[in-house]
């Protein structure tokens, strides 16, 4: 029996088998087609022609398992957030916000500005900031707290003066 005769005689029964394994007719047909294609690529894989159908069944089962694994992996995949470039409007708003923050930072006392920049721009810990500025960790905490309050006030002043200019 050649592969064409095998296909004509057993394709439907193999598709029924695959449907029960993968729960999807289109995928089942693909699984069976892959099994026959594998046999066609390697006709010497089955030395005894009477065992060709058994070979195809095993191939269908294994290919169905692989299809289910791929499906499970695809369903578990969570694509990363959309990384589309910001719109010109978003860029303009962000640039304006950055300008306001920098203006407000300039209004702070030098030590307050240093603590905030080291903490939020350089991502240093309180201990690292204390070491860098040669001050205690307690001083870093209190300075940061006061600086954030002062920055918030400066941001409100900068924002309100910016609105008046427009």
N, C-alpha and C. Protein backbone atom coordinates (compact mmCIF):
# COMPACT_ATOMS: atom_id res chain seq x y z
N UNK A 1 0.85 -1.18 0.00
CA UNK A 1 0.00 0.00 0.00
C UNK A 1 0.89 1.24 0.00
N UNK A 2 0.69 2.13 -0.97
CA UNK A 2 1.50 3.35 -0.99
C UNK A 2 0.81 4.44 -0.18
N UNK A 3 1.46 5.59 -0.04
CA UNK A 3 0.96 6.66 0.83
C UNK A 3 -0.36 7.24 0.33
N UNK A 4 -0.55 7.27 -0.99
CA UNK A 4 -1.82 7.77 -1.55
C UNK A 4 -2.98 6.88 -1.15
N UNK A 5 -2.77 5.58 -1.22
CA UNK A 5 -3.82 4.63 -0.82
C UNK A 5 -4.07 4.72 0.68
N UNK A 6 -3.00 4.85 1.46
CA UNK A 6 -3.15 5.01 2.92
C UNK A 6 -3.98 6.25 3.23
N UNK A 7 -3.67 7.33 2.53
CA UNK A 7 -4.37 8.59 2.76
C UNK A 7 -5.87 8.44 2.45
N UNK A 8 -6.16 7.88 1.32
CA UNK A 8 -7.56 7.71 0.91
C UNK A 8 -8.32 6.79 1.86
N UNK A 9 -7.67 5.77 2.33
CA UNK A 9 -8.34 4.77 3.16
C UNK A 9 -8.47 5.19 4.64
N UNK A 10 -7.51 5.97 5.16
CA UNK A 10 -7.47 6.18 6.62
C UNK A 10 -7.49 7.64 7.07
N UNK A 11 -7.50 8.57 6.15
CA UNK A 11 -7.48 9.98 6.54
C UNK A 11 -8.64 10.33 7.45
N UNK A 12 -9.85 9.95 7.10
CA UNK A 12 -11.02 10.33 7.90
C UNK A 12 -10.96 9.75 9.31
N UNK A 13 -10.56 8.51 9.44
CA UNK A 13 -10.49 7.92 10.79
C UNK A 13 -9.39 8.60 11.62
N UNK A 14 -8.31 8.99 10.97
CA UNK A 14 -7.24 9.69 11.68
C UNK A 14 -7.67 11.11 12.06
N UNK A 15 -8.44 11.75 11.20
CA UNK A 15 -8.96 13.09 11.54
C UNK A 15 -9.91 12.98 12.72
N UNK A 16 -10.78 11.96 12.74
CA UNK A 16 -11.68 11.77 13.88
C UNK A 16 -10.88 11.58 15.17
N UNK A 17 -9.83 10.78 15.10
CA UNK A 17 -8.96 10.58 16.26
C UNK A 17 -8.37 11.91 16.71
N UNK A 18 -7.86 12.68 15.76
CA UNK A 18 -7.23 13.96 16.09
C UNK A 18 -8.23 14.96 16.66
N UNK A 19 -9.46 14.96 16.13
CA UNK A 19 -10.49 15.87 16.65
C UNK A 19 -10.74 15.59 18.13
N UNK A 20 -10.76 14.33 18.50
CA UNK A 20 -10.97 13.97 19.90
C UNK A 20 -9.80 14.42 20.77
N UNK A 21 -8.62 14.53 20.18
CA UNK A 21 -7.45 14.94 20.95
C UNK A 21 -7.28 16.44 21.04
N UNK A 22 -7.60 17.16 19.95
CA UNK A 22 -7.35 18.61 19.94
C UNK A 22 -8.60 19.47 20.00
N UNK A 23 -9.81 18.88 19.90
CA UNK A 23 -11.08 19.61 20.02
C UNK A 23 -11.27 20.70 18.97
N UNK A 24 -10.67 20.55 17.82
CA UNK A 24 -10.78 21.57 16.79
C UNK A 24 -10.56 20.90 15.44
N UNK A 25 -11.56 20.98 14.57
CA UNK A 25 -11.49 20.26 13.30
C UNK A 25 -10.33 20.74 12.43
N UNK A 26 -10.13 22.04 12.34
CA UNK A 26 -9.05 22.56 11.50
C UNK A 26 -7.69 22.10 12.02
N UNK A 27 -7.51 22.16 13.33
CA UNK A 27 -6.24 21.70 13.91
C UNK A 27 -6.08 20.20 13.71
N UNK A 28 -7.17 19.46 13.82
CA UNK A 28 -7.12 18.01 13.62
C UNK A 28 -6.67 17.68 12.20
N UNK A 29 -7.22 18.38 11.22
CA UNK A 29 -6.81 18.15 9.85
C UNK A 29 -5.32 18.48 9.66
N UNK A 30 -4.86 19.55 10.30
CA UNK A 30 -3.43 19.91 10.22
C UNK A 30 -2.57 18.82 10.84
N UNK A 31 -3.01 18.29 11.97
CA UNK A 31 -2.26 17.23 12.64
C UNK A 31 -2.12 16.01 11.73
N UNK A 32 -3.22 15.61 11.11
CA UNK A 32 -3.20 14.44 10.22
C UNK A 32 -2.33 14.73 9.00
N UNK A 33 -2.48 15.91 8.46
CA UNK A 33 -1.66 16.28 7.30
C UNK A 33 -0.18 16.24 7.65
N UNK A 34 0.18 16.74 8.83
CA UNK A 34 1.58 16.69 9.27
C UNK A 34 2.07 15.26 9.41
N UNK A 35 1.22 14.38 9.90
CA UNK A 35 1.60 12.97 10.05
C UNK A 35 1.88 12.34 8.68
N UNK A 36 1.00 12.60 7.72
CA UNK A 36 1.21 12.06 6.37
C UNK A 36 2.44 12.70 5.70
N UNK A 37 2.64 13.97 5.94
CA UNK A 37 3.80 14.65 5.36
C UNK A 37 5.10 14.07 5.93
N UNK A 38 5.10 13.76 7.22
CA UNK A 38 6.28 13.17 7.84
C UNK A 38 6.56 11.79 7.23
N UNK A 39 5.52 11.03 7.01
CA UNK A 39 5.69 9.72 6.40
C UNK A 39 6.18 9.84 4.96
N UNK A 40 5.67 10.81 4.24
CA UNK A 40 6.09 11.01 2.85
C UNK A 40 7.56 11.44 2.76
N UNK A 41 8.02 12.22 3.73
CA UNK A 41 9.42 12.66 3.74
C UNK A 41 10.36 11.51 4.04
N UNK A 42 9.89 10.56 4.83
CA UNK A 42 10.74 9.43 5.23
C UNK A 42 10.02 8.12 4.95
N UNK A 43 9.92 7.72 3.70
CA UNK A 43 9.19 6.48 3.38
C UNK A 43 9.85 5.25 3.99
N UNK A 44 11.14 5.35 4.29
CA UNK A 44 11.83 4.21 4.89
C UNK A 44 11.61 4.12 6.40
N UNK A 45 10.86 5.06 6.99
CA UNK A 45 10.59 5.04 8.43
C UNK A 45 9.79 3.81 8.83
N UNK A 46 8.99 3.31 7.90
CA UNK A 46 8.18 2.13 8.16
C UNK A 46 8.66 1.03 7.21
N UNK A 47 9.38 0.07 7.76
CA UNK A 47 9.91 -1.01 6.92
C UNK A 47 8.82 -2.01 6.53
N UNK A 48 7.91 -2.24 7.46
CA UNK A 48 6.83 -3.18 7.21
C UNK A 48 5.58 -2.39 6.83
N UNK A 49 5.13 -2.47 5.57
CA UNK A 49 3.97 -1.69 5.13
C UNK A 49 2.71 -1.95 5.97
N UNK A 50 2.61 -3.08 6.59
CA UNK A 50 1.42 -3.36 7.41
C UNK A 50 1.43 -2.53 8.70
N UNK A 51 2.56 -1.97 9.03
CA UNK A 51 2.66 -1.15 10.25
C UNK A 51 2.57 0.35 9.96
N UNK A 52 2.32 0.72 8.71
CA UNK A 52 2.24 2.13 8.35
C UNK A 52 1.09 2.83 9.07
N UNK A 53 -0.05 2.17 9.16
CA UNK A 53 -1.20 2.79 9.84
C UNK A 53 -0.89 3.01 11.33
N UNK A 54 -0.23 2.05 11.95
CA UNK A 54 0.15 2.20 13.36
C UNK A 54 1.12 3.37 13.51
N UNK A 55 2.05 3.50 12.57
CA UNK A 55 2.99 4.62 12.57
C UNK A 55 2.23 5.94 12.49
N UNK A 56 1.25 6.01 11.59
CA UNK A 56 0.46 7.23 11.41
C UNK A 56 -0.33 7.57 12.68
N UNK A 57 -0.91 6.56 13.33
CA UNK A 57 -1.66 6.81 14.57
C UNK A 57 -0.75 7.40 15.64
N UNK A 58 0.42 6.79 15.80
CA UNK A 58 1.38 7.31 16.80
C UNK A 58 1.78 8.74 16.43
N UNK A 59 2.00 8.97 15.17
CA UNK A 59 2.38 10.31 14.71
C UNK A 59 1.27 11.32 14.97
N UNK A 60 0.03 10.93 14.74
CA UNK A 60 -1.12 11.81 15.00
C UNK A 60 -1.20 12.14 16.49
N UNK A 61 -1.06 11.14 17.33
CA UNK A 61 -1.13 11.37 18.79
C UNK A 61 0.00 12.30 19.22
N UNK A 62 1.21 12.05 18.77
CA UNK A 62 2.34 12.90 19.16
C UNK A 62 2.20 14.32 18.63
N UNK A 63 1.76 14.46 17.40
CA UNK A 63 1.58 15.79 16.82
C UNK A 63 0.45 16.53 17.52
N UNK A 64 -0.61 15.82 17.91
CA UNK A 64 -1.70 16.44 18.67
C UNK A 64 -1.20 16.93 20.02
N UNK A 65 -0.38 16.15 20.67
CA UNK A 65 0.21 16.58 21.95
C UNK A 65 1.01 17.86 21.77
N UNK A 66 1.80 17.89 20.72
CA UNK A 66 2.61 19.09 20.45
C UNK A 66 1.72 20.29 20.18
N UNK A 67 0.64 20.09 19.42
CA UNK A 67 -0.28 21.19 19.13
C UNK A 67 -0.92 21.71 20.41
N UNK A 68 -1.30 20.81 21.30
CA UNK A 68 -1.89 21.23 22.57
C UNK A 68 -0.88 21.98 23.43
N UNK A 69 0.36 21.53 23.43
CA UNK A 69 1.41 22.22 24.18
C UNK A 69 1.60 23.64 23.64
N UNK A 70 1.67 23.76 22.31
CA UNK A 70 1.84 25.08 21.70
C UNK A 70 0.64 25.97 22.03
N UNK A 71 -0.55 25.41 21.98
CA UNK A 71 -1.76 26.17 22.28
C UNK A 71 -1.74 26.64 23.73
N UNK A 72 -1.36 25.77 24.64
CA UNK A 72 -1.30 26.12 26.06
C UNK A 72 -0.26 27.22 26.29
N UNK A 73 0.87 27.10 25.63
CA UNK A 73 1.92 28.12 25.76
C UNK A 73 1.44 29.45 25.20
N UNK A 74 0.77 29.41 24.05
CA UNK A 74 0.28 30.65 23.44
C UNK A 74 -0.76 31.32 24.32
N UNK A 75 -1.61 30.54 24.95
CA UNK A 75 -2.64 31.12 25.83
C UNK A 75 -2.03 31.70 27.10
N UNK A 76 -0.94 31.14 27.56
CA UNK A 76 -0.30 31.62 28.78
C UNK A 76 0.54 32.87 28.52
N UNK A 77 0.87 33.11 27.26
CA UNK A 77 1.72 34.24 26.93
C UNK A 77 0.97 35.55 27.12
N UNK A 78 1.58 36.46 27.78
CA UNK A 78 1.02 37.79 27.98
C UNK A 78 1.91 38.78 27.26
N UNK A 79 1.43 39.37 26.18
CA UNK A 79 2.29 40.27 25.42
C UNK A 79 2.68 41.49 26.25
N UNK A 80 3.84 42.06 25.98
CA UNK A 80 4.24 43.26 26.72
C UNK A 80 3.30 44.41 26.39
N UNK A 81 3.31 45.40 27.27
CA UNK A 81 2.46 46.57 27.05
C UNK A 81 2.78 47.20 25.71
N UNK A 82 1.80 47.84 25.15
CA UNK A 82 1.98 48.52 23.88
C UNK A 82 3.06 49.58 24.04
N UNK A 83 4.09 49.46 23.25
CA UNK A 83 5.20 50.39 23.34
C UNK A 83 5.19 51.36 22.16
N UNK A 84 4.00 51.73 21.74
CA UNK A 84 3.91 52.66 20.63
C UNK A 84 4.47 54.01 21.07
N UNK A 85 5.06 54.74 20.14
CA UNK A 85 5.64 56.03 20.51
C UNK A 85 4.56 57.00 20.97
N UNK A 86 4.92 57.89 21.89
CA UNK A 86 3.91 58.83 22.37
C UNK A 86 3.49 59.78 21.25
N UNK A 87 2.26 60.23 21.36
CA UNK A 87 1.75 61.17 20.36
C UNK A 87 2.45 62.52 20.57
N UNK A 88 2.42 63.39 19.58
CA UNK A 88 3.02 64.72 19.75
C UNK A 88 2.40 65.48 20.92
N UNK A 89 1.10 65.29 21.13
CA UNK A 89 0.44 65.97 22.25
C UNK A 89 0.98 65.46 23.58
N UNK A 90 1.14 64.12 23.69
CA UNK A 90 1.69 63.53 24.92
C UNK A 90 3.10 64.03 25.17
N UNK A 91 3.90 64.10 24.12
CA UNK A 91 5.28 64.57 24.25
C UNK A 91 5.31 66.02 24.72
N UNK A 92 4.42 66.84 24.18
CA UNK A 92 4.37 68.25 24.57
C UNK A 92 3.97 68.39 26.04
N UNK A 93 2.97 67.61 26.46
CA UNK A 93 2.53 67.68 27.86
C UNK A 93 3.65 67.21 28.78
N UNK A 94 4.30 66.11 28.41
CA UNK A 94 5.39 65.59 29.24
C UNK A 94 6.55 66.59 29.31
N UNK A 95 6.89 67.19 28.19
CA UNK A 95 7.97 68.19 28.19
C UNK A 95 7.61 69.37 29.09
N UNK A 96 6.35 69.79 29.06
CA UNK A 96 5.90 70.89 29.90
C UNK A 96 5.99 70.50 31.38
N UNK A 97 5.57 69.26 31.70
CA UNK A 97 5.65 68.80 33.09
C UNK A 97 7.10 68.73 33.55
N UNK A 98 7.99 68.25 32.70
CA UNK A 98 9.41 68.19 33.06
C UNK A 98 9.96 69.59 33.30
N UNK A 99 9.59 70.53 32.45
CA UNK A 99 10.05 71.91 32.62
C UNK A 99 9.57 72.46 33.96
N UNK A 100 8.31 72.19 34.32
CA UNK A 100 7.77 72.68 35.58
C UNK A 100 8.49 72.06 36.78
N UNK A 101 8.80 70.78 36.70
CA UNK A 101 9.52 70.12 37.80
C UNK A 101 10.92 70.72 37.94
N UNK A 102 11.59 70.92 36.83
CA UNK A 102 12.95 71.49 36.90
C UNK A 102 12.92 72.90 37.46
N UNK A 103 11.95 73.70 37.05
CA UNK A 103 11.82 75.06 37.61
C UNK A 103 11.55 75.00 39.10
N UNK A 104 10.69 74.09 39.53
CA UNK A 104 10.37 73.97 40.95
C UNK A 104 11.60 73.48 41.73
N UNK A 105 12.35 72.55 41.14
CA UNK A 105 13.58 72.08 41.81
C UNK A 105 14.58 73.22 42.02
N UNK A 106 14.65 74.13 41.07
CA UNK A 106 15.58 75.26 41.17
C UNK A 106 15.23 76.19 42.33
N UNK A 107 13.98 76.15 42.76
CA UNK A 107 13.54 77.01 43.86
C UNK A 107 13.86 76.43 45.24
N UNK A 108 14.26 75.15 45.29
CA UNK A 108 14.57 74.50 46.56
C UNK A 108 15.96 74.90 47.05
N UNK A 109 16.16 74.70 48.36
CA UNK A 109 17.49 74.89 48.93
C UNK A 109 18.42 73.85 48.31
N UNK A 110 19.71 74.16 48.19
CA UNK A 110 20.65 73.23 47.54
C UNK A 110 20.63 71.83 48.12
N UNK A 111 20.63 71.69 49.45
CA UNK A 111 20.65 70.36 50.05
C UNK A 111 19.35 69.61 49.72
N UNK A 112 18.22 70.29 49.76
CA UNK A 112 16.95 69.65 49.43
C UNK A 112 16.97 69.16 47.98
N UNK A 113 17.46 70.00 47.09
CA UNK A 113 17.55 69.62 45.68
C UNK A 113 18.47 68.42 45.52
N UNK A 114 19.59 68.41 46.19
CA UNK A 114 20.55 67.29 46.09
C UNK A 114 19.91 65.99 46.57
N UNK A 115 19.22 66.05 47.71
CA UNK A 115 18.60 64.84 48.26
C UNK A 115 17.54 64.29 47.29
N UNK A 116 16.69 65.15 46.76
CA UNK A 116 15.64 64.69 45.85
C UNK A 116 16.22 64.14 44.55
N UNK A 117 17.21 64.82 44.02
CA UNK A 117 17.81 64.35 42.76
C UNK A 117 18.50 63.00 42.97
N UNK A 118 19.24 62.87 44.06
CA UNK A 118 19.91 61.59 44.33
C UNK A 118 18.90 60.48 44.58
N UNK A 119 17.79 60.80 45.23
CA UNK A 119 16.79 59.78 45.55
C UNK A 119 15.97 59.38 44.33
N UNK A 120 15.43 60.34 43.62
CA UNK A 120 14.46 60.03 42.57
C UNK A 120 15.05 60.00 41.16
N UNK A 121 16.17 60.65 40.95
CA UNK A 121 16.80 60.59 39.63
C UNK A 121 17.85 59.49 39.59
N UNK A 122 18.68 59.42 40.63
CA UNK A 122 19.76 58.43 40.67
C UNK A 122 19.36 57.14 41.37
N UNK A 123 18.16 57.09 41.94
CA UNK A 123 17.64 55.91 42.63
C UNK A 123 18.56 55.40 43.74
N UNK A 124 19.15 56.31 44.48
CA UNK A 124 20.00 55.91 45.60
C UNK A 124 19.15 55.68 46.83
N UNK A 125 19.62 54.79 47.69
CA UNK A 125 18.92 54.55 48.96
C UNK A 125 19.27 55.68 49.94
N UNK A 126 18.54 55.70 51.05
CA UNK A 126 18.83 56.73 52.05
C UNK A 126 20.26 56.60 52.56
N UNK A 127 20.72 55.37 52.74
CA UNK A 127 22.09 55.15 53.22
C UNK A 127 23.10 55.66 52.20
N UNK A 128 22.86 55.40 50.94
CA UNK A 128 23.79 55.85 49.89
C UNK A 128 23.80 57.38 49.78
N UNK A 129 22.64 58.00 49.94
CA UNK A 129 22.56 59.46 49.89
C UNK A 129 23.32 60.04 51.08
N UNK A 130 23.10 59.44 52.26
CA UNK A 130 23.80 59.91 53.47
C UNK A 130 25.31 59.82 53.28
N UNK A 131 25.77 58.75 52.72
CA UNK A 131 27.21 58.57 52.48
C UNK A 131 27.71 59.58 51.44
N UNK A 132 26.95 59.79 50.39
CA UNK A 132 27.36 60.70 49.32
C UNK A 132 27.44 62.14 49.81
N UNK A 133 26.48 62.56 50.63
CA UNK A 133 26.43 63.95 51.09
C UNK A 133 27.10 64.14 52.46
N UNK A 134 27.60 63.04 53.02
CA UNK A 134 28.27 63.09 54.33
C UNK A 134 27.34 63.66 55.40
N UNK A 135 26.11 63.14 55.43
CA UNK A 135 25.13 63.50 56.45
C UNK A 135 24.52 62.22 56.99
N UNK A 136 23.76 62.32 58.08
CA UNK A 136 23.15 61.13 58.66
C UNK A 136 21.90 60.72 57.86
N UNK A 137 21.51 59.46 58.05
CA UNK A 137 20.31 58.97 57.38
C UNK A 137 19.07 59.73 57.88
N UNK A 138 19.06 60.07 59.14
CA UNK A 138 17.94 60.84 59.69
C UNK A 138 17.81 62.19 59.00
N UNK A 139 18.96 62.81 58.74
CA UNK A 139 18.95 64.10 58.04
C UNK A 139 18.45 63.92 56.61
N UNK A 140 18.81 62.81 55.98
CA UNK A 140 18.32 62.52 54.62
C UNK A 140 16.80 62.41 54.64
N UNK A 141 16.26 61.66 55.60
CA UNK A 141 14.81 61.47 55.68
C UNK A 141 14.08 62.79 55.90
N UNK A 142 14.54 63.56 56.88
CA UNK A 142 13.85 64.82 57.18
C UNK A 142 14.01 65.82 56.04
N UNK A 143 15.17 65.86 55.43
CA UNK A 143 15.39 66.77 54.31
C UNK A 143 14.51 66.39 53.13
N UNK A 144 14.42 65.09 52.86
CA UNK A 144 13.58 64.63 51.75
C UNK A 144 12.12 64.97 52.01
N UNK A 145 11.67 64.76 53.23
CA UNK A 145 10.28 65.05 53.57
C UNK A 145 9.98 66.54 53.37
N UNK A 146 10.84 67.39 53.90
CA UNK A 146 10.64 68.84 53.76
C UNK A 146 10.77 69.26 52.29
N UNK A 147 11.68 68.64 51.58
CA UNK A 147 11.90 68.98 50.17
C UNK A 147 10.68 68.65 49.32
N UNK A 148 10.05 67.52 49.60
CA UNK A 148 8.86 67.14 48.84
C UNK A 148 7.71 68.12 49.08
N UNK A 149 7.55 68.57 50.33
CA UNK A 149 6.52 69.56 50.64
C UNK A 149 6.84 70.86 49.91
N UNK A 150 8.10 71.27 49.97
CA UNK A 150 8.50 72.51 49.30
C UNK A 150 8.36 72.38 47.78
N UNK A 151 8.68 71.23 47.24
CA UNK A 151 8.56 71.00 45.79
C UNK A 151 7.10 71.07 45.36
N UNK A 152 6.22 70.49 46.16
CA UNK A 152 4.80 70.54 45.83
C UNK A 152 4.30 71.98 45.80
N UNK A 153 4.71 72.78 46.79
CA UNK A 153 4.31 74.19 46.81
C UNK A 153 4.88 74.92 45.60
N UNK A 154 6.14 74.65 45.29
CA UNK A 154 6.77 75.31 44.15
C UNK A 154 6.10 74.90 42.84
N UNK A 155 5.68 73.63 42.75
CA UNK A 155 4.99 73.15 41.54
C UNK A 155 3.65 73.87 41.38
N UNK A 156 2.93 74.07 42.47
CA UNK A 156 1.66 74.78 42.39
C UNK A 156 1.88 76.23 41.96
N UNK A 157 2.93 76.85 42.49
CA UNK A 157 3.26 78.22 42.12
C UNK A 157 3.65 78.30 40.66
N UNK A 158 4.50 77.36 40.20
CA UNK A 158 4.95 77.34 38.82
C UNK A 158 3.78 77.08 37.88
N UNK A 159 2.90 76.16 38.25
CA UNK A 159 1.76 75.82 37.41
C UNK A 159 0.80 77.00 37.31
N UNK A 160 0.54 77.68 38.44
CA UNK A 160 -0.40 78.80 38.40
C UNK A 160 0.20 79.98 37.66
N UNK A 161 1.50 80.21 37.78
CA UNK A 161 2.11 81.33 37.04
C UNK A 161 2.18 81.01 35.55
N UNK A 162 2.33 79.73 35.20
CA UNK A 162 2.34 79.32 33.80
C UNK A 162 0.99 79.54 33.17
N UNK A 163 -0.08 79.32 33.91
CA UNK A 163 -1.44 79.51 33.37
C UNK A 163 -1.72 80.99 33.15
N UNK A 164 -1.17 81.84 34.05
CA UNK A 164 -1.39 83.27 33.91
C UNK A 164 -0.69 83.81 32.67
N UNK A 165 0.48 83.23 32.33
CA UNK A 165 1.24 83.69 31.17
C UNK A 165 0.53 83.37 29.89
N UNK A 166 -0.26 82.29 29.87
CA UNK A 166 -0.94 81.85 28.64
C UNK A 166 -2.11 82.68 28.43
